Amino acid sequence: AATADGRRLSLSLYPQQQPLPVEETKEQQQQQVPGGYGFVIPRDQQQQLQEQEVPRNIPPPPPVGEDERPTIYTYVEQAAQYNPNDDTGDLIENWRKAWYDVGWDPRILDARDAQRLPEYDELMSLITDLDLIGEKNIVFYKRWMAMASVGGGWMADISTWPLNYFIRHGRILPNDGFLTIYQGFSPSLVSGTGDEYLRVARQIGKTAEKAIAKQKMTNEHFPEKYKDHVEWNDLVALKELKQKLPDVIKTRSDVVPKNKLFRDGLMQCGESEGKRAFYLADLKPTKEFSRGTIARKFLNDWRESCTMTIVEDIEVSKKARY
């Protein structure tokens, strides 16, 4: 459920994990099978893991009072409809736990927050053909409006999970609040003021408007090149904008993808040095584990293998406080 303003899920902070039902023969239970994110785990150990809270294995964050926690947002369309015991609800709740543990105040935005933006209708009017863009890509577009509506700050994808501490950058945004993306063009972790999110949302929308017009013209005049969709999303738009206007956004490499952090059967601790978060692309549930459990297990194994540090300050200014 959500509060009346729709900006925070009113789920318990540390609910009991619900095991996923698994029916197997005794022989199957004794087999060694891939579990979690690629480790080989015996079936009986997998069941034990499902039946208890995934351990957090985390040193205490730098001192911060409850009222001083900086906010980090993620966007989930119709978030209030998800139950904490289903897969999406479990993913949301585990994401919230992970960020809370390292000193943040994690909040969930949804379509209602995007619709509160006064410029919402203006921005949506740029998507002149919803079918060509596709529902999923429109959701990605709306998250920029939702962030503008709450005044900006930090936005993380639901597949982006914290590594090293950087809460000192929480309320005083890097780069004077100029829109900054921390995984190249991929908006897995973003910071900026509300005005910056609105500025970039407009530019993202204009790239969609052009892409739709181009595809419609192609469909009309060159039927052999007909497509019922446009190859467009906010990542594609950001890459296009950066190529045409190098100063439109700032980009960094402070988020590490899972396949670089864990490879050849080992956690690559060197890849996480100075990184703010890791990104789990194409995270999917398995028969054994929900997506939230997979991500939490990966995070906890990193914490057991590697040393958490504090990300060094980059350019900050009190002008960017939000």
Protein backbone atom coordinates (compact mmCIF):
# COMPACT_ATOMS: atom_id res chain seq x y z
CA ALA A 1 0.00 0.00 0.00
CA ALA A 2 1.00 3.61 -0.21
CA THR A 3 0.31 6.74 1.75
CA ALA A 4 -2.22 9.23 0.44
CA ASP A 5 0.43 11.27 -1.33
CA GLY A 6 1.63 8.16 -3.18
CA ARG A 7 5.31 8.82 -2.52
CA ARG A 8 6.17 6.09 -0.04
CA LEU A 9 5.21 2.45 0.29
CA SER A 10 3.82 1.74 3.74
CA LEU A 11 5.40 -1.72 3.93
CA SER A 12 7.11 -3.07 7.04
CA LEU A 13 10.83 -2.39 6.93
CA TYR A 14 12.06 -5.93 7.55
CA PRO A 15 9.25 -8.42 6.75
CA GLN A 16 9.74 -12.17 7.01
CA GLN A 17 10.96 -13.58 3.71
CA GLN A 18 8.36 -15.86 2.11
CA PRO A 19 9.84 -19.08 0.68
CA LEU A 20 8.88 -19.99 -2.86
CA PRO A 21 7.20 -23.42 -3.09
CA VAL A 22 9.49 -26.10 -4.53
CA GLU A 23 8.34 -29.69 -5.10
CA GLU A 24 11.22 -32.08 -5.79
CA THR A 25 12.27 -35.69 -5.37
CA LYS A 26 14.90 -36.68 -2.82
CA GLU A 27 17.39 -37.25 -5.65
CA GLN A 28 16.76 -33.74 -7.03
CA GLN A 29 17.26 -32.22 -3.58
CA GLN A 30 20.70 -33.81 -3.36
CA GLN A 31 21.84 -32.39 -6.68
CA GLN A 32 24.19 -29.43 -6.91
CA VAL A 33 22.43 -26.82 -9.05
CA PRO A 34 23.03 -23.18 -9.97
CA GLY A 35 21.36 -20.90 -7.47
CA GLY A 36 21.18 -17.17 -6.84
CA TYR A 37 23.39 -15.31 -9.27
CA GLY A 38 25.52 -18.19 -10.49
CA PHE A 39 27.01 -19.95 -7.48
CA VAL A 40 26.38 -23.70 -7.16
CA ILE A 41 24.31 -24.22 -4.01
CA PRO A 42 22.85 -27.50 -2.71
CA ARG A 43 19.06 -27.63 -2.78
CA ASP A 44 18.79 -28.07 1.00
CA GLN A 45 20.90 -24.95 1.56
CA GLN A 46 18.76 -23.02 -0.90
CA GLN A 47 15.65 -23.95 1.07
CA GLN A 48 17.28 -22.80 4.31
CA LEU A 49 18.14 -19.47 2.69
CA GLN A 50 14.57 -19.00 1.54
CA GLU A 51 13.17 -19.64 5.01
CA GLN A 52 15.02 -16.82 6.74
CA GLU A 53 15.88 -13.20 6.24
CA VAL A 54 18.89 -12.80 3.97
CA PRO A 55 21.71 -11.65 6.30
CA ARG A 56 22.83 -8.10 5.74
CA ASN A 57 26.49 -8.40 6.82
CA ILE A 58 27.15 -4.69 6.78
CA PRO A 59 29.23 -2.34 8.95
CA PRO A 60 27.34 0.62 10.41
CA PRO A 61 27.04 3.65 8.12
CA PRO A 62 28.61 6.99 8.98
CA PRO A 63 26.62 8.64 11.81
CA VAL A 64 23.33 10.01 10.55
CA GLY A 65 20.09 10.73 12.37
CA GLU A 66 16.75 9.53 11.09
CA ASP A 67 15.81 13.12 10.20
CA GLU A 68 19.12 13.62 8.39
CA ARG A 69 18.92 10.68 6.01
CA PRO A 70 19.18 11.88 2.39
CA THR A 71 16.45 10.62 0.09
CA ILE A 72 16.97 8.28 -2.80
CA TYR A 73 14.07 7.53 -5.14
CA THR A 74 13.17 4.79 -7.52
CA TYR A 75 10.21 4.67 -9.89
CA VAL A 76 7.83 1.73 -10.14
CA GLU A 77 4.65 2.17 -12.18
CA GLN A 78 1.57 1.58 -9.97
CA ALA A 79 3.82 0.71 -7.03
CA ALA A 80 0.96 0.70 -4.52
CA GLN A 81 -0.61 -2.32 -6.24
CA TYR A 82 2.26 -4.65 -5.34
CA ASN A 83 2.13 -6.85 -2.26
CA PRO A 84 5.40 -7.26 -0.29
CA ASN A 85 5.04 -11.04 -0.64
CA ASP A 86 4.85 -11.15 -4.44
CA ASP A 87 7.99 -10.93 -6.56
CA THR A 88 7.80 -7.23 -7.43
CA GLY A 89 6.79 -6.25 -3.91
CA ASP A 90 9.64 -8.34 -2.53
CA LEU A 91 12.08 -6.69 -4.95
CA ILE A 92 10.92 -3.22 -3.87
CA GLU A 93 11.17 -4.10 -0.19
CA ASN A 94 14.66 -5.59 -0.51
CA TRP A 95 15.79 -2.56 -2.51
CA ARG A 96 14.50 -0.32 0.27
CA LYS A 97 16.32 -2.36 2.93
CA ALA A 98 19.60 -2.22 1.05
CA TRP A 99 19.58 1.58 0.71
CA TYR A 100 18.26 2.14 4.24
CA ASP A 101 21.12 0.06 5.66
CA VAL A 102 23.71 2.43 4.21
CA GLY A 103 22.12 5.59 5.56
CA TRP A 104 19.52 6.63 2.95
CA ASP A 105 15.79 7.28 3.11
CA PRO A 106 14.55 5.18 0.15
CA ARG A 107 11.22 6.20 -1.36
CA ILE A 108 9.12 4.82 -4.17
CA LEU A 109 7.62 7.06 -6.86
CA ASP A 110 4.90 6.02 -9.28
CA ALA A 111 2.67 7.40 -12.03
CA ARG A 112 0.79 9.64 -9.60
CA ASP A 113 3.98 11.55 -8.85
CA ALA A 114 4.66 12.08 -12.55
CA GLN A 115 1.10 13.33 -13.05
CA ARG A 116 1.53 15.95 -10.29
CA LEU A 117 4.09 17.77 -12.41
CA PRO A 118 2.44 20.89 -13.93
CA GLU A 119 4.23 20.19 -17.22
CA TYR A 120 3.04 16.57 -17.36
CA ASP A 121 0.55 17.06 -20.21
CA GLU A 122 3.05 19.12 -22.17
CA LEU A 123 5.70 16.42 -21.90
CA MET A 124 3.32 13.57 -22.66
CA SER A 125 2.10 15.41 -25.76
CA LEU A 126 5.56 14.86 -27.27
CA ILE A 127 4.79 11.13 -27.42
CA THR A 128 2.53 11.48 -30.43
CA ASP A 129 2.08 7.71 -30.91
CA LEU A 130 2.03 5.66 -27.71
CA ASP A 131 1.90 2.34 -29.58
CA LEU A 132 5.07 3.04 -31.55
CA ILE A 133 7.00 3.91 -28.37
CA GLY A 134 5.66 1.08 -26.22
CA GLU A 135 4.33 1.02 -22.68
CA LYS A 136 7.63 0.03 -21.01
CA ASN A 137 9.53 2.90 -22.62
CA ILE A 138 6.83 5.38 -21.61
CA VAL A 139 7.31 4.22 -18.02
CA PHE A 140 11.02 5.03 -18.32
CA TYR A 141 10.09 8.48 -19.62
CA LYS A 142 7.66 9.15 -16.76
CA ARG A 143 10.30 8.60 -14.09
CA TRP A 144 11.99 11.83 -15.18
CA MET A 145 8.71 13.71 -14.67
CA ALA A 146 8.22 12.10 -11.26
CA MET A 147 11.69 13.22 -10.17
CA ALA A 148 11.00 16.76 -11.37
CA SER A 149 7.73 16.78 -9.44
CA VAL A 150 9.42 15.98 -6.11
CA GLY A 151 12.13 18.60 -6.61
CA GLY A 152 14.93 16.38 -7.87
CA GLY A 153 17.66 14.63 -5.91
CA TRP A 154 18.97 11.10 -6.38
CA MET A 155 17.22 8.53 -8.57
CA ALA A 156 18.23 4.86 -8.74
CA ASP A 157 16.80 2.15 -10.95
CA ILE A 158 15.11 -0.68 -9.05
CA SER A 159 18.01 -2.85 -10.31
CA THR A 160 20.64 -0.48 -8.84
CA TRP A 161 21.93 -1.44 -5.39
CA PRO A 162 24.38 0.40 -3.11
CA LEU A 163 28.03 -0.52 -2.70
CA ASN A 164 30.23 2.08 -0.97
CA TYR A 165 29.01 4.92 1.21
CA PHE A 166 28.25 8.27 -0.44
CA ILE A 167 25.52 9.76 1.76
CA ARG A 168 27.63 12.90 2.21
CA HIS A 169 26.58 13.68 -1.37
CA GLY A 170 22.95 13.06 -0.51
CA ARG A 171 21.67 16.56 0.24
CA ILE A 172 24.42 18.56 -1.42
CA LEU A 173 24.35 17.33 -4.98
CA PRO A 174 27.49 16.89 -7.09
CA ASN A 175 28.20 19.29 -9.95
CA ASP A 176 26.04 22.10 -8.50
CA GLY A 177 22.97 19.94 -9.11
CA PHE A 178 23.60 19.72 -12.86
CA LEU A 179 22.06 16.52 -14.23
CA THR A 180 24.67 13.80 -13.72
CA ILE A 181 24.40 10.14 -14.76
CA TYR A 182 26.69 7.67 -13.03
CA GLN A 183 26.80 4.78 -15.53
CA GLY A 184 27.65 6.38 -18.82
CA PHE A 185 24.39 6.98 -20.72
CA SER A 186 22.44 4.45 -18.66
CA PRO A 187 20.27 6.24 -16.05
CA SER A 188 20.76 3.55 -13.43
CA LEU A 189 21.85 6.22 -10.93
CA VAL A 190 21.17 9.92 -11.49
CA SER A 191 21.44 13.15 -9.52
CA GLY A 192 20.20 16.64 -10.24
CA THR A 193 17.87 19.42 -9.17
CA GLY A 194 14.18 19.39 -10.04
CA ASP A 195 14.75 21.94 -12.80
CA GLU A 196 17.45 19.73 -14.28
CA TYR A 197 15.20 16.68 -14.39
CA LEU A 198 12.54 18.80 -16.10
CA ARG A 199 15.04 20.22 -18.60
CA VAL A 200 16.31 16.78 -19.56
CA ALA A 201 12.79 15.29 -19.63
CA ARG A 202 11.83 17.86 -22.28
CA GLN A 203 14.85 16.98 -24.38
CA ILE A 204 14.20 13.25 -24.01
CA GLY A 205 10.61 13.80 -25.13
CA LYS A 206 11.70 15.76 -28.19
CA THR A 207 13.91 12.89 -29.34
CA ALA A 208 10.85 10.61 -29.11
CA GLU A 209 8.76 13.06 -31.12
CA LYS A 210 11.39 13.07 -33.88
CA ALA A 211 11.80 9.29 -33.84
CA ILE A 212 8.04 8.78 -34.16
CA ALA A 213 7.76 11.23 -37.06
CA LYS A 214 10.66 9.58 -38.87
CA GLN A 215 9.24 6.08 -38.47
CA LYS A 216 5.77 7.15 -39.58
CA MET A 217 7.22 8.70 -42.73
CA THR A 218 9.20 5.51 -43.40
CA ASN A 219 6.12 3.34 -42.88
CA GLU A 220 4.13 5.48 -45.31
CA HIS A 221 6.66 5.83 -48.10
CA PHE A 222 8.85 2.74 -47.73
CA PRO A 223 6.58 -0.18 -46.82
CA GLU A 224 9.50 -2.63 -47.09
CA LYS A 225 11.02 -0.89 -44.03
CA TYR A 226 7.77 -0.89 -42.07
CA LYS A 227 8.05 -1.24 -38.28
CA ASP A 228 5.33 -1.30 -35.67
CA HIS A 229 7.65 0.17 -33.05
CA VAL A 230 10.42 2.72 -32.65
CA GLU A 231 13.84 1.78 -31.31
CA TRP A 232 13.68 4.36 -28.56
CA ASN A 233 13.91 4.69 -24.79
CA ASP A 234 15.44 7.20 -22.40
CA LEU A 235 18.89 5.57 -22.66
CA VAL A 236 18.82 5.84 -26.47
CA ALA A 237 17.66 9.45 -26.13
CA LEU A 238 20.42 10.35 -23.67
CA LYS A 239 23.09 8.84 -25.92
CA GLU A 240 21.76 10.77 -28.90
CA LEU A 241 21.61 14.01 -26.92
CA LYS A 242 25.13 13.59 -25.56
CA GLN A 243 26.51 12.99 -29.04
CA LYS A 244 24.82 16.10 -30.45
CA LEU A 245 25.21 18.30 -27.36
CA PRO A 246 28.24 17.16 -25.34
CA ASP A 247 27.45 19.48 -22.45
CA VAL A 248 23.77 18.53 -22.11
CA ILE A 249 24.50 16.22 -19.15
CA LYS A 250 27.49 15.07 -17.15
CA THR A 251 28.39 11.39 -17.15
CA ARG A 252 30.55 9.34 -14.82
CA SER A 253 31.44 5.67 -14.33
CA ASP A 254 30.46 5.22 -10.68
CA VAL A 255 28.11 2.25 -11.16
CA VAL A 256 29.57 -1.16 -11.95
CA PRO A 257 27.56 -3.84 -13.79
CA LYS A 258 27.22 -7.22 -12.12
CA ASN A 259 29.10 -9.05 -14.88
CA LYS A 260 32.23 -6.98 -14.16
CA LEU A 261 31.89 -7.27 -10.38
CA PHE A 262 31.54 -11.06 -10.44
CA ARG A 263 33.28 -13.14 -13.08
CA ASP A 264 35.28 -16.36 -13.38
CA GLY A 265 33.57 -17.56 -10.20
CA LEU A 266 35.10 -14.80 -8.09
CA MET A 267 34.06 -11.42 -6.72
CA GLN A 268 36.28 -8.77 -8.34
CA CYS A 269 36.76 -6.36 -5.44
CA GLY A 270 39.01 -4.08 -7.46
CA GLU A 271 36.11 -3.30 -9.79
CA SER A 272 34.10 -1.85 -6.89
CA GLU A 273 36.73 0.58 -5.61
CA GLY A 274 35.24 4.08 -5.57
CA LYS A 275 31.95 2.83 -7.01
CA ARG A 276 28.65 3.99 -5.59
CA ALA A 277 26.48 1.07 -6.69
CA PHE A 278 26.18 -2.03 -8.83
CA TYR A 279 23.62 -2.71 -11.53
CA LEU A 280 21.89 -6.05 -12.07
CA ALA A 281 20.77 -6.04 -15.69
CA ASP A 282 17.85 -8.25 -16.75
CA LEU A 283 17.26 -9.49 -13.22
CA LYS A 284 14.77 -12.39 -13.34
CA PRO A 285 13.33 -14.68 -10.67
CA THR A 286 14.29 -18.34 -10.63
CA LYS A 287 12.45 -21.37 -9.30
CA GLU A 288 14.57 -21.12 -6.17
CA PHE A 289 14.75 -17.37 -5.52
CA SER A 290 12.82 -14.16 -6.01
CA ARG A 291 14.59 -11.22 -7.67
CA GLY A 292 14.90 -9.43 -4.33
CA THR A 293 16.60 -12.43 -2.72
CA ILE A 294 19.00 -12.82 -5.65
CA ALA A 295 20.04 -9.17 -5.45
CA ARG A 296 20.38 -9.20 -1.65
CA LYS A 297 22.47 -12.36 -1.75
CA PHE A 298 24.76 -10.86 -4.36
CA LEU A 299 25.12 -7.69 -2.27
CA ASN A 300 25.82 -9.61 0.93
CA ASP A 301 28.42 -11.81 -0.76
CA TRP A 302 30.15 -8.67 -2.05
CA ARG A 303 30.18 -7.26 1.49
CA GLU A 304 31.70 -10.49 2.82
CA SER A 305 34.37 -10.54 0.10
CA CYS A 306 35.24 -6.85 -0.26
CA THR A 307 35.78 -3.83 1.97
CA MET A 308 33.24 -1.03 2.04
CA THR A 309 34.71 2.46 1.80
CA ILE A 310 33.48 6.03 1.61
CA VAL A 311 33.35 7.49 -1.89
CA GLU A 312 35.57 10.55 -2.04
CA ASP A 313 33.96 13.93 -2.50
CA ILE A 314 33.53 15.21 -6.01
CA GLU A 315 32.54 18.71 -6.91
CA VAL A 316 29.70 19.77 -4.60
CA SER A 317 28.05 23.05 -3.69
CA LYS A 318 25.52 24.22 -1.15
CA LYS A 319 23.67 25.77 -4.07
CA ALA A 320 22.64 22.26 -5.02
CA ARG A 321 21.05 21.42 -1.68
CA TYR A 322 17.52 20.04 -2.06
